[in-house]
Amino acid sequence: MTRLPLWLVLGHEALTVTGLAAWTAHVVGGVRSSARAACAVVPIVAAFGFMTLLRRLPSSGRHSQGGATAERHFPLAAVVAHGATAGVYERAQPPVSEGASVR
């Protein structure tokens, strides 16, 4: 059983899909407001992912489960690769500027 809040897990996934759909609308259809929406969603998605990572890390606090939760059994390499891939993808996107022409 996971100890992660449902809003955190589903929010991370739902906002990721929303941002990807908005970016796709910008790339395919040239909708400039979609690009801005996608860029606005990225920090929220990153914050949710970072909160998930922090809750996954082992701790010795008062409420620690001692490794008994499901998210602690997920390979750390996969978690780090997921975050690194998202960071690389974000940096690879060209900036959206006011004077840019849309094809």
PDB file of N, CA and C in Angstrom:
ATOM      1  N   MET A   1       0.849  -1.181   0.000  1.00  0.00           N
ATOM      2  CA  MET A   1       0.000   0.000   0.000  1.00  0.00           C
ATOM      3  C   MET A   1       0.892   1.242   0.000  1.00  0.00           C
ATOM      4  N   THR A   2       0.506   2.216  -0.782  1.00  0.00           N
ATOM      5  CA  THR A   2       1.266   3.454  -0.864  1.00  0.00           C
ATOM      6  C   THR A   2       0.788   4.454   0.190  1.00  0.00           C
ATOM      7  N   ARG A   3       1.700   5.267   0.647  1.00  0.00           N
ATOM      8  CA  ARG A   3       1.360   6.314   1.601  1.00  0.00           C
ATOM      9  C   ARG A   3       1.291   7.673   0.917  1.00  0.00           C
ATOM     10  N   LEU A   4       1.485   7.687  -0.398  1.00  0.00           N
ATOM     11  CA  LEU A   4       1.404   8.945  -1.130  1.00  0.00           C
ATOM     12  C   LEU A   4      -0.058   9.365  -1.257  1.00  0.00           C
ATOM     13  N   PRO A   5      -0.339  10.646  -1.078  1.00  0.00           N
ATOM     14  CA  PRO A   5      -1.725  11.109  -1.233  1.00  0.00           C
ATOM     15  C   PRO A   5      -2.207  10.912  -2.673  1.00  0.00           C
ATOM     16  N   LEU A   6      -3.441  10.556  -2.812  1.00  0.00           N
ATOM     17  CA  LEU A   6      -4.018  10.312  -4.130  1.00  0.00           C
ATOM     18  C   LEU A   6      -3.947  11.564  -5.002  1.00  0.00           C
ATOM     19  N   TRP A   7      -4.183  12.746  -4.416  1.00  0.00           N
ATOM     20  CA  TRP A   7      -4.145  13.986  -5.179  1.00  0.00           C
ATOM     21  C   TRP A   7      -2.755  14.228  -5.750  1.00  0.00           C
ATOM     22  N   LEU A   8      -1.716  13.789  -5.040  1.00  0.00           N
ATOM     23  CA  LEU A   8      -0.351  14.002  -5.503  1.00  0.00           C
ATOM     24  C   LEU A   8      -0.036  13.106  -6.707  1.00  0.00           C
ATOM     25  N   VAL A   9      -0.386  11.850  -6.606  1.00  0.00           N
ATOM     26  CA  VAL A   9      -0.106  10.902  -7.687  1.00  0.00           C
ATOM     27  C   VAL A   9      -0.940  11.239  -8.923  1.00  0.00           C
ATOM     28  N   LEU A  10      -2.249  11.375  -8.738  1.00  0.00           N
ATOM     29  CA  LEU A  10      -3.120  11.658  -9.881  1.00  0.00           C
ATOM     30  C   LEU A  10      -2.904  13.066 -10.428  1.00  0.00           C
ATOM     31  N   GLY A  11      -2.602  14.003  -9.554  1.00  0.00           N
ATOM     32  CA  GLY A  11      -2.317  15.365 -10.015  1.00  0.00           C
ATOM     33  C   GLY A  11      -1.073  15.426 -10.874  1.00  0.00           C
ATOM     34  N   HIS A  12      -0.042  14.709 -10.487  1.00  0.00           N
ATOM     35  CA  HIS A  12       1.203  14.659 -11.264  1.00  0.00           C
ATOM     36  C   HIS A  12       0.915  14.089 -12.655  1.00  0.00           C
ATOM     37  N   GLU A  13       0.177  12.999 -12.700  1.00  0.00           N
ATOM     38  CA  GLU A  13      -0.126  12.357 -13.990  1.00  0.00           C
ATOM     39  C   GLU A  13      -1.069  13.211 -14.831  1.00  0.00           C
ATOM     40  N   ALA A  14      -2.133  13.712 -14.237  1.00  0.00           N
ATOM     41  CA  ALA A  14      -3.128  14.479 -14.999  1.00  0.00           C
ATOM     42  C   ALA A  14      -2.536  15.774 -15.548  1.00  0.00           C
ATOM     43  N   LEU A  15      -1.754  16.474 -14.738  1.00  0.00           N
ATOM     44  CA  LEU A  15      -1.149  17.711 -15.221  1.00  0.00           C
ATOM     45  C   LEU A  15      -0.081  17.443 -16.278  1.00  0.00           C
ATOM     46  N   THR A  16       0.610  16.314 -16.167  1.00  0.00           N
ATOM     47  CA  THR A  16       1.577  15.953 -17.192  1.00  0.00           C
ATOM     48  C   THR A  16       0.887  15.741 -18.535  1.00  0.00           C
ATOM     49  N   VAL A  17      -0.193  15.001 -18.527  1.00  0.00           N
ATOM     50  CA  VAL A  17      -0.945  14.747 -19.764  1.00  0.00           C
ATOM     51  C   VAL A  17      -1.528  16.054 -20.303  1.00  0.00           C
ATOM     52  N   THR A  18      -2.035  16.907 -19.422  1.00  0.00           N
ATOM     53  CA  THR A  18      -2.585  18.191 -19.845  1.00  0.00           C
ATOM     54  C   THR A  18      -1.517  19.064 -20.489  1.00  0.00           C
ATOM     55  N   GLY A  19      -0.357  19.142 -19.862  1.00  0.00           N
ATOM     56  CA  GLY A  19       0.737  19.935 -20.418  1.00  0.00           C
ATOM     57  C   GLY A  19       1.224  19.392 -21.749  1.00  0.00           C
ATOM     58  N   LEU A  20       1.306  18.079 -21.857  1.00  0.00           N
ATOM     59  CA  LEU A  20       1.728  17.467 -23.110  1.00  0.00           C
ATOM     60  C   LEU A  20       0.706  17.729 -24.214  1.00  0.00           C
ATOM     61  N   ALA A  21      -0.570  17.653 -23.891  1.00  0.00           N
ATOM     62  CA  ALA A  21      -1.615  17.941 -24.879  1.00  0.00           C
ATOM     63  C   ALA A  21      -1.563  19.406 -25.314  1.00  0.00           C
ATOM     64  N   ALA A  22      -1.333  20.303 -24.376  1.00  0.00           N
ATOM     65  CA  ALA A  22      -1.239  21.721 -24.716  1.00  0.00           C
ATOM     66  C   ALA A  22      -0.026  21.990 -25.602  1.00  0.00           C
ATOM     67  N   TRP A  23       1.101  21.361 -25.283  1.00  0.00           N
ATOM     68  CA  TRP A  23       2.300  21.557 -26.095  1.00  0.00           C
ATOM     69  C   TRP A  23       2.109  20.975 -27.496  1.00  0.00           C
ATOM     70  N   THR A  24       1.444  19.831 -27.574  1.00  0.00           N
ATOM     71  CA  THR A  24       1.157  19.223 -28.874  1.00  0.00           C
ATOM     72  C   THR A  24       0.249  20.137 -29.699  1.00  0.00           C
ATOM     73  N   ALA A  25      -0.747  20.756 -29.062  1.00  0.00           N
ATOM     74  CA  ALA A  25      -1.620  21.694 -29.767  1.00  0.00           C
ATOM     75  C   ALA A  25      -0.822  22.869 -30.303  1.00  0.00           C
ATOM     76  N   HIS A  26       0.180  23.296 -29.560  1.00  0.00           N
ATOM     77  CA  HIS A  26       1.023  24.401 -30.026  1.00  0.00           C
ATOM     78  C   HIS A  26       1.882  23.968 -31.214  1.00  0.00           C
ATOM     79  N   VAL A  27       2.516  22.802 -31.091  1.00  0.00           N
ATOM     80  CA  VAL A  27       3.429  22.356 -32.146  1.00  0.00           C
ATOM     81  C   VAL A  27       2.659  22.015 -33.422  1.00  0.00           C
ATOM     82  N   VAL A  28       1.560  21.306 -33.284  1.00  0.00           N
ATOM     83  CA  VAL A  28       0.809  20.849 -34.456  1.00  0.00           C
ATOM     84  C   VAL A  28      -0.060  21.970 -35.032  1.00  0.00           C
ATOM     85  N   GLY A  29      -0.765  22.671 -34.158  1.00  0.00           N
ATOM     86  CA  GLY A  29      -1.729  23.661 -34.639  1.00  0.00           C
ATOM     87  C   GLY A  29      -1.265  25.096 -34.576  1.00  0.00           C
ATOM     88  N   GLY A  30      -0.122  25.350 -33.943  1.00  0.00           N
ATOM     89  CA  GLY A  30       0.385  26.709 -33.855  1.00  0.00           C
ATOM     90  C   GLY A  30      -0.381  27.594 -32.887  1.00  0.00           C
ATOM     91  N   VAL A  31      -1.042  27.013 -31.931  1.00  0.00           N
ATOM     92  CA  VAL A  31      -1.820  27.784 -30.952  1.00  0.00           C
ATOM     93  C   VAL A  31      -0.863  28.305 -29.880  1.00  0.00           C
ATOM     94  N   ARG A  32      -0.611  29.603 -29.924  1.00  0.00           N
ATOM     95  CA  ARG A  32       0.380  30.195 -29.027  1.00  0.00           C
ATOM     96  C   ARG A  32      -0.043  30.138 -27.561  1.00  0.00           C
ATOM     97  N   SER A  33      -1.326  30.297 -27.291  1.00  0.00           N
ATOM     98  CA  SER A  33      -1.779  30.251 -25.897  1.00  0.00           C
ATOM     99  C   SER A  33      -1.591  28.847 -25.302  1.00  0.00           C
ATOM    100  N   SER A  34      -1.627  27.825 -26.144  1.00  0.00           N
ATOM    101  CA  SER A  34      -1.374  26.462 -25.655  1.00  0.00           C
ATOM    102  C   SER A  34       0.066  26.312 -25.188  1.00  0.00           C
ATOM    103  N   ALA A  35       0.986  26.962 -25.877  1.00  0.00           N
ATOM    104  CA  ALA A  35       2.387  26.908 -25.461  1.00  0.00           C
ATOM    105  C   ALA A  35       2.557  27.556 -24.095  1.00  0.00           C
ATOM    106  N   ARG A  36       1.889  28.677 -23.898  1.00  0.00           N
ATOM    107  CA  ARG A  36       1.979  29.349 -22.596  1.00  0.00           C
ATOM    108  C   ARG A  36       1.361  28.496 -21.491  1.00  0.00           C
ATOM    109  N   ALA A  37       0.255  27.840 -21.804  1.00  0.00           N
ATOM    110  CA  ALA A  37      -0.395  26.966 -20.812  1.00  0.00           C
ATOM    111  C   ALA A  37       0.520  25.798 -20.462  1.00  0.00           C
ATOM    112  N   ALA A  38       1.148  25.208 -21.478  1.00  0.00           N
ATOM    113  CA  ALA A  38       2.057  24.087 -21.229  1.00  0.00           C
ATOM    114  C   ALA A  38       3.233  24.529 -20.361  1.00  0.00           C
ATOM    115  N   CYS A  39       3.766  25.705 -20.647  1.00  0.00           N
ATOM    116  CA  CYS A  39       4.899  26.207 -19.852  1.00  0.00           C
ATOM    117  C   CYS A  39       4.476  26.550 -18.425  1.00  0.00           C
ATOM    118  N   ALA A  40       3.239  26.952 -18.247  1.00  0.00           N
ATOM    119  CA  ALA A  40       2.748  27.258 -16.899  1.00  0.00           C
ATOM    120  C   ALA A  40       2.547  25.993 -16.074  1.00  0.00           C
ATOM    121  N   VAL A  41       2.239  24.887 -16.726  1.00  0.00           N
ATOM    122  CA  VAL A  41       1.975  23.632 -16.032  1.00  0.00           C
ATOM    123  C   VAL A  41       3.274  22.952 -15.596  1.00  0.00           C
ATOM    124  N   VAL A  42       4.358  23.175 -16.327  1.00  0.00           N
ATOM    125  CA  VAL A  42       5.620  22.467 -16.058  1.00  0.00           C
ATOM    126  C   VAL A  42       6.107  22.632 -14.618  1.00  0.00           C
ATOM    127  N   PRO A  43       6.154  23.842 -14.045  1.00  0.00           N
ATOM    128  CA  PRO A  43       6.636  23.948 -12.660  1.00  0.00           C
ATOM    129  C   PRO A  43       5.756  23.212 -11.650  1.00  0.00           C
ATOM    130  N   ILE A  44       4.454  23.163 -11.911  1.00  0.00           N
ATOM    131  CA  ILE A  44       3.557  22.455 -11.003  1.00  0.00           C
ATOM    132  C   ILE A  44       3.806  20.961 -11.074  1.00  0.00           C
ATOM    133  N   VAL A  45       3.956  20.446 -12.299  1.00  0.00           N
ATOM    134  CA  VAL A  45       4.254  19.020 -12.478  1.00  0.00           C
ATOM    135  C   VAL A  45       5.583  18.677 -11.814  1.00  0.00           C
ATOM    136  N   ALA A  46       6.573  19.543 -11.996  1.00  0.00           N
ATOM    137  CA  ALA A  46       7.880  19.306 -11.384  1.00  0.00           C
ATOM    138  C   ALA A  46       7.791  19.326  -9.859  1.00  0.00           C
ATOM    139  N   ALA A  47       7.010  20.233  -9.315  1.00  0.00           N
ATOM    140  CA  ALA A  47       6.846  20.303  -7.852  1.00  0.00           C
ATOM    141  C   ALA A  47       6.167  19.046  -7.318  1.00  0.00           C
ATOM    142  N   PHE A  48       5.130  18.572  -8.017  1.00  0.00           N
ATOM    143  CA  PHE A  48       4.466  17.333  -7.597  1.00  0.00           C
ATOM    144  C   PHE A  48       5.429  16.157  -7.662  1.00  0.00           C
ATOM    145  N   GLY A  49       6.226  16.087  -8.723  1.00  0.00           N
ATOM    146  CA  GLY A  49       7.203  15.008  -8.838  1.00  0.00           C
ATOM    147  C   GLY A  49       8.258  15.078  -7.745  1.00  0.00           C
ATOM    148  N   PHE A  50       8.692  16.293  -7.428  1.00  0.00           N
ATOM    149  CA  PHE A  50       9.698  16.464  -6.378  1.00  0.00           C
ATOM    150  C   PHE A  50       9.124  16.081  -5.016  1.00  0.00           C
ATOM    151  N   MET A  51       7.848  16.426  -4.774  1.00  0.00           N
ATOM    152  CA  MET A  51       7.210  16.015  -3.514  1.00  0.00           C
ATOM    153  C   MET A  51       7.118  14.490  -3.429  1.00  0.00           C
ATOM    154  N   THR A  52       6.813  13.856  -4.554  1.00  0.00           N
ATOM    155  CA  THR A  52       6.759  12.400  -4.584  1.00  0.00           C
ATOM    156  C   THR A  52       8.126  11.808  -4.262  1.00  0.00           C
ATOM    157  N   LEU A  53       9.169  12.379  -4.855  1.00  0.00           N
ATOM    158  CA  LEU A  53      10.528  11.905  -4.587  1.00  0.00           C
ATOM    159  C   LEU A  53      10.894  12.079  -3.119  1.00  0.00           C
ATOM    160  N   LEU A  54      10.596  13.236  -2.561  1.00  0.00           N
ATOM    161  CA  LEU A  54      10.947  13.481  -1.157  1.00  0.00           C
ATOM    162  C   LEU A  54      10.220  12.529  -0.217  1.00  0.00           C
ATOM    163  N   ARG A  55       8.981  12.203  -0.539  1.00  0.00           N
ATOM    164  CA  ARG A  55       8.239  11.275   0.320  1.00  0.00           C
ATOM    165  C   ARG A  55       8.732   9.849   0.166  1.00  0.00           C
ATOM    166  N   ARG A  56       9.417   9.573  -0.947  1.00  0.00           N
ATOM    167  CA  ARG A  56       9.929   8.232  -1.199  1.00  0.00           C
ATOM    168  C   ARG A  56      11.247   7.983  -0.460  1.00  0.00           C
ATOM    169  N   LEU A  57      12.010   9.035  -0.229  1.00  0.00           N
ATOM    170  CA  LEU A  57      13.323   8.880   0.391  1.00  0.00           C
ATOM    171  C   LEU A  57      13.190   8.362   1.819  1.00  0.00           C
ATOM    172  N   PRO A  58      14.132   7.517   2.242  1.00  0.00           N
ATOM    173  CA  PRO A  58      14.074   6.990   3.607  1.00  0.00           C
ATOM    174  C   PRO A  58      14.294   8.087   4.647  1.00  0.00           C
ATOM    175  N   SER A  59      13.614   7.949   5.755  1.00  0.00           N
ATOM    176  CA  SER A  59      13.795   8.907   6.842  1.00  0.00           C
ATOM    177  C   SER A  59      13.659   8.161   8.169  1.00  0.00           C
ATOM    178  N   SER A  60      14.072   8.822   9.216  1.00  0.00           N
ATOM    179  CA  SER A  60      13.952   8.218  10.539  1.00  0.00           C
ATOM    180  C   SER A  60      13.028   9.050  11.414  1.00  0.00           C
ATOM    181  N   GLY A  61      12.133   9.787  10.785  1.00  0.00           N
ATOM    182  CA  GLY A  61      11.210  10.648  11.512  1.00  0.00           C
ATOM    183  C   GLY A  61      10.162   9.868  12.278  1.00  0.00           C
ATOM    184  N   ARG A  62       9.368  10.600  13.039  1.00  0.00           N
ATOM    185  CA  ARG A  62       8.351  10.006  13.890  1.00  0.00           C
ATOM    186  C   ARG A  62       7.320   9.206  13.097  1.00  0.00           C
ATOM    187  N   HIS A  63       7.000   9.632  11.877  1.00  0.00           N
ATOM    188  CA  HIS A  63       5.972   8.966  11.084  1.00  0.00           C
ATOM    189  C   HIS A  63       6.557   8.034  10.029  1.00  0.00           C
ATOM    190  N   SER A  64       7.809   7.717  10.130  1.00  0.00           N
ATOM    191  CA  SER A  64       8.460   6.846   9.158  1.00  0.00           C
ATOM    192  C   SER A  64       7.879   5.439   9.209  1.00  0.00           C
ATOM    193  N   GLN A  65       7.717   4.851   8.033  1.00  0.00           N
ATOM    194  CA  GLN A  65       7.186   3.496   7.939  1.00  0.00           C
ATOM    195  C   GLN A  65       8.306   2.454   7.875  1.00  0.00           C
ATOM    196  N   GLY A  66       9.533   2.890   7.835  1.00  0.00           N
ATOM    197  CA  GLY A  66      10.652   1.946   7.826  1.00  0.00           C
ATOM    198  C   GLY A  66      10.752   1.099   6.570  1.00  0.00           C
ATOM    199  N   GLY A  67      10.419   1.649   5.425  1.00  0.00           N
ATOM    200  CA  GLY A  67      10.543   0.920   4.172  1.00  0.00           C
ATOM    201  C   GLY A  67       9.373   0.011   3.855  1.00  0.00           C
ATOM    202  N   ALA A  68       8.263   0.142   4.577  1.00  0.00           N
ATOM    203  CA  ALA A  68       7.131  -0.761   4.396  1.00  0.00           C
ATOM    204  C   ALA A  68       6.167  -0.309   3.299  1.00  0.00           C
ATOM    205  N   THR A  69       6.354   0.863   2.732  1.00  0.00           N
ATOM    206  CA  THR A  69       5.407   1.355   1.734  1.00  0.00           C
ATOM    207  C   THR A  69       5.815   0.923   0.331  1.00  0.00           C
ATOM    208  N   ALA A  70       4.837   0.890  -0.549  1.00  0.00           N
ATOM    209  CA  ALA A  70       5.061   0.399  -1.914  1.00  0.00           C
ATOM    210  C   ALA A  70       6.034   1.276  -2.687  1.00  0.00           C
ATOM    211  N   GLU A  71       5.960   2.586  -2.512  1.00  0.00           N
ATOM    212  CA  GLU A  71       6.834   3.460  -3.294  1.00  0.00           C
ATOM    213  C   GLU A  71       8.310   3.290  -2.940  1.00  0.00           C
ATOM    214  N   ARG A  72       8.610   2.761  -1.781  1.00  0.00           N
ATOM    215  CA  ARG A  72      10.009   2.540  -1.413  1.00  0.00           C
ATOM    216  C   ARG A  72      10.597   1.318  -2.107  1.00  0.00           C
ATOM    217  N   HIS A  73       9.741   0.451  -2.643  1.00  0.00           N
ATOM    218  CA  HIS A  73      10.219  -0.739  -3.345  1.00  0.00           C
ATOM    219  C   HIS A  73      10.446  -0.489  -4.831  1.00  0.00           C
ATOM    220  N   PHE A  74      10.040   0.680  -5.309  1.00  0.00           N
ATOM    221  CA  PHE A  74      10.266   1.021  -6.702  1.00  0.00           C
ATOM    222  C   PHE A  74      11.745   1.354  -6.860  1.00  0.00           C
ATOM    223  N   PRO A  75      12.404   0.887  -7.912  1.00  0.00           N
ATOM    224  CA  PRO A  75      13.852   1.106  -8.053  1.00  0.00           C
ATOM    225  C   PRO A  75      14.210   2.594  -8.089  1.00  0.00           C
ATOM    226  N   LEU A  76      15.153   2.979  -7.255  1.00  0.00           N
ATOM    227  CA  LEU A  76      15.577   4.375  -7.194  1.00  0.00           C
ATOM    228  C   LEU A  76      16.130   4.832  -8.534  1.00  0.00           C
ATOM    229  N   ALA A  77      16.817   3.947  -9.253  1.00  0.00           N
ATOM    230  CA  ALA A  77      17.367   4.314 -10.563  1.00  0.00           C
ATOM    231  C   ALA A  77      16.255   4.728 -11.525  1.00  0.00           C
ATOM    232  N   ALA A  78      15.112   4.054 -11.461  1.00  0.00           N
ATOM    233  CA  ALA A  78      13.989   4.403 -12.332  1.00  0.00           C
ATOM    234  C   ALA A  78      13.412   5.768 -11.954  1.00  0.00           C
ATOM    235  N   VAL A  79      13.349   6.058 -10.679  1.00  0.00           N
ATOM    236  CA  VAL A  79      12.831   7.345 -10.217  1.00  0.00           C
ATOM    237  C   VAL A  79      13.756   8.472 -10.658  1.00  0.00           C
ATOM    238  N   VAL A  80      15.050   8.284 -10.488  1.00  0.00           N
ATOM    239  CA  VAL A  80      16.027   9.301 -10.878  1.00  0.00           C
ATOM    240  C   VAL A  80      16.025   9.475 -12.401  1.00  0.00           C
ATOM    241  N   ALA A  81      15.945   8.380 -13.152  1.00  0.00           N
ATOM    242  CA  ALA A  81      15.921   8.458 -14.610  1.00  0.00           C
ATOM    243  C   ALA A  81      14.678   9.204 -15.095  1.00  0.00           C
ATOM    244  N   HIS A  82      13.554   8.971 -14.436  1.00  0.00           N
ATOM    245  CA  HIS A  82      12.314   9.663 -14.797  1.00  0.00           C
ATOM    246  C   HIS A  82      12.486  11.176 -14.619  1.00  0.00           C
ATOM    247  N   GLY A  83      13.010  11.588 -13.489  1.00  0.00           N
ATOM    248  CA  GLY A  83      13.222  13.010 -13.233  1.00  0.00           C
ATOM    249  C   GLY A  83      14.254  13.622 -14.157  1.00  0.00           C
ATOM    250  N   ALA A  84      15.335  12.894 -14.421  1.00  0.00           N
ATOM    251  CA  ALA A  84      16.388  13.408 -15.306  1.00  0.00           C
ATOM    252  C   ALA A  84      15.874  13.545 -16.731  1.00  0.00           C
ATOM    253  N   THR A  85      15.104  12.579 -17.185  1.00  0.00           N
ATOM    254  CA  THR A  85      14.553  12.644 -18.536  1.00  0.00           C
ATOM    255  C   THR A  85      13.605  13.828 -18.671  1.00  0.00           C
ATOM    256  N   ALA A  86      12.792  14.061 -17.667  1.00  0.00           N
ATOM    257  CA  ALA A  86      11.882  15.205 -17.702  1.00  0.00           C
ATOM    258  C   ALA A  86      12.670  16.509 -17.730  1.00  0.00           C
ATOM    259  N   GLY A  87      13.747  16.586 -16.971  1.00  0.00           N
ATOM    260  CA  GLY A  87      14.571  17.789 -16.958  1.00  0.00           C
ATOM    261  C   GLY A  87      15.271  18.036 -18.280  1.00  0.00           C
ATOM    262  N   VAL A  88      15.774  16.981 -18.893  1.00  0.00           N
ATOM    263  CA  VAL A  88      16.443  17.117 -20.192  1.00  0.00           C
ATOM    264  C   VAL A  88      15.432  17.522 -21.257  1.00  0.00           C
ATOM    265  N   TYR A  89      14.261  16.905 -21.243  1.00  0.00           N
ATOM    266  CA  TYR A  89      13.231  17.245 -22.216  1.00  0.00           C
ATOM    267  C   TYR A  89      12.820  18.701 -22.075  1.00  0.00           C
ATOM    268  N   GLU A  90      12.661  19.169 -20.850  1.00  0.00           N
ATOM    269  CA  GLU A  90      12.250  20.550 -20.621  1.00  0.00           C
ATOM    270  C   GLU A  90      13.293  21.522 -21.150  1.00  0.00           C
ATOM    271  N   ARG A  91      14.556  21.231 -20.948  1.00  0.00           N
ATOM    272  CA  ARG A  91      15.614  22.127 -21.411  1.00  0.00           C
ATOM    273  C   ARG A  91      15.764  22.099 -22.930  1.00  0.00           C
ATOM    274  N   ALA A  92      15.329  21.029 -23.581  1.00  0.00           N
ATOM    275  CA  ALA A  92      15.470  20.898 -25.029  1.00  0.00           C
ATOM    276  C   ALA A  92      14.418  21.693 -25.791  1.00  0.00           C
ATOM    277  N   GLN A  93      13.370  22.131 -25.119  1.00  0.00           N
ATOM    278  CA  GLN A  93      12.305  22.855 -25.800  1.00  0.00           C
ATOM    279  C   GLN A  93      12.742  24.290 -26.081  1.00  0.00           C
ATOM    280  N   PRO A  94      12.468  24.787 -27.290  1.00  0.00           N
ATOM    281  CA  PRO A  94      12.820  26.178 -27.590  1.00  0.00           C
ATOM    282  C   PRO A  94      11.910  27.141 -26.828  1.00  0.00           C
ATOM    283  N   PRO A  95      12.421  28.296 -26.478  1.00  0.00           N
ATOM    284  CA  PRO A  95      11.581  29.253 -25.743  1.00  0.00           C
ATOM    285  C   PRO A  95      10.473  29.807 -26.649  1.00  0.00           C
ATOM    286  N   VAL A  96       9.365  30.155 -26.048  1.00  0.00           N
ATOM    287  CA  VAL A  96       8.247  30.751 -26.772  1.00  0.00           C
ATOM    288  C   VAL A  96       8.409  32.261 -26.682  1.00  0.00           C
ATOM    289  N   SER A  97       8.548  32.919 -27.823  1.00  0.00           N
ATOM    290  CA  SER A  97       8.721  34.371 -27.810  1.00  0.00           C
ATOM    291  C   SER A  97       7.555  35.032 -28.532  1.00  0.00           C
ATOM    292  N   GLU A  98       7.352  36.282 -28.216  1.00  0.00           N
ATOM    293  CA  GLU A  98       6.233  37.037 -28.805  1.00  0.00           C
ATOM    294  C   GLU A  98       6.409  37.227 -30.309  1.00  0.00           C
ATOM    295  N   GLY A  99       7.623  37.420 -30.772  1.00  0.00           N
ATOM    296  CA  GLY A  99       7.849  37.711 -32.178  1.00  0.00           C
ATOM    297  C   GLY A  99       8.069  36.497 -33.045  1.00  0.00           C
ATOM    298  N   ALA A 100       7.943  35.312 -32.479  1.00  0.00           N
ATOM    299  CA  ALA A 100       8.198  34.102 -33.248  1.00  0.00           C
ATOM    300  C   ALA A 100       7.085  33.862 -34.265  1.00  0.00           C
ATOM    301  N   SER A 101       7.472  33.451 -35.442  1.00  0.00           N
ATOM    302  CA  SER A 101       6.464  33.146 -36.453  1.00  0.00           C
ATOM    303  C   SER A 101       6.004  31.708 -36.293  1.00  0.00           C
ATOM    304  N   VAL A 102       4.747  31.488 -36.533  1.00  0.00           N
ATOM    305  CA  VAL A 102       4.168  30.148 -36.409  1.00  0.00           C
ATOM    306  C   VAL A 102       3.881  29.645 -37.810  1.00  0.00           C
ATOM    307  N   ARG A 103       4.331  28.439 -38.099  1.00  0.00           N
ATOM    308  CA  ARG A 103       4.106  27.857 -39.432  1.00  0.00           C
ATOM    309  C   ARG A 103       2.716  27.342 -39.576  1.00  0.00           C
TER     310      ARG A 103
END
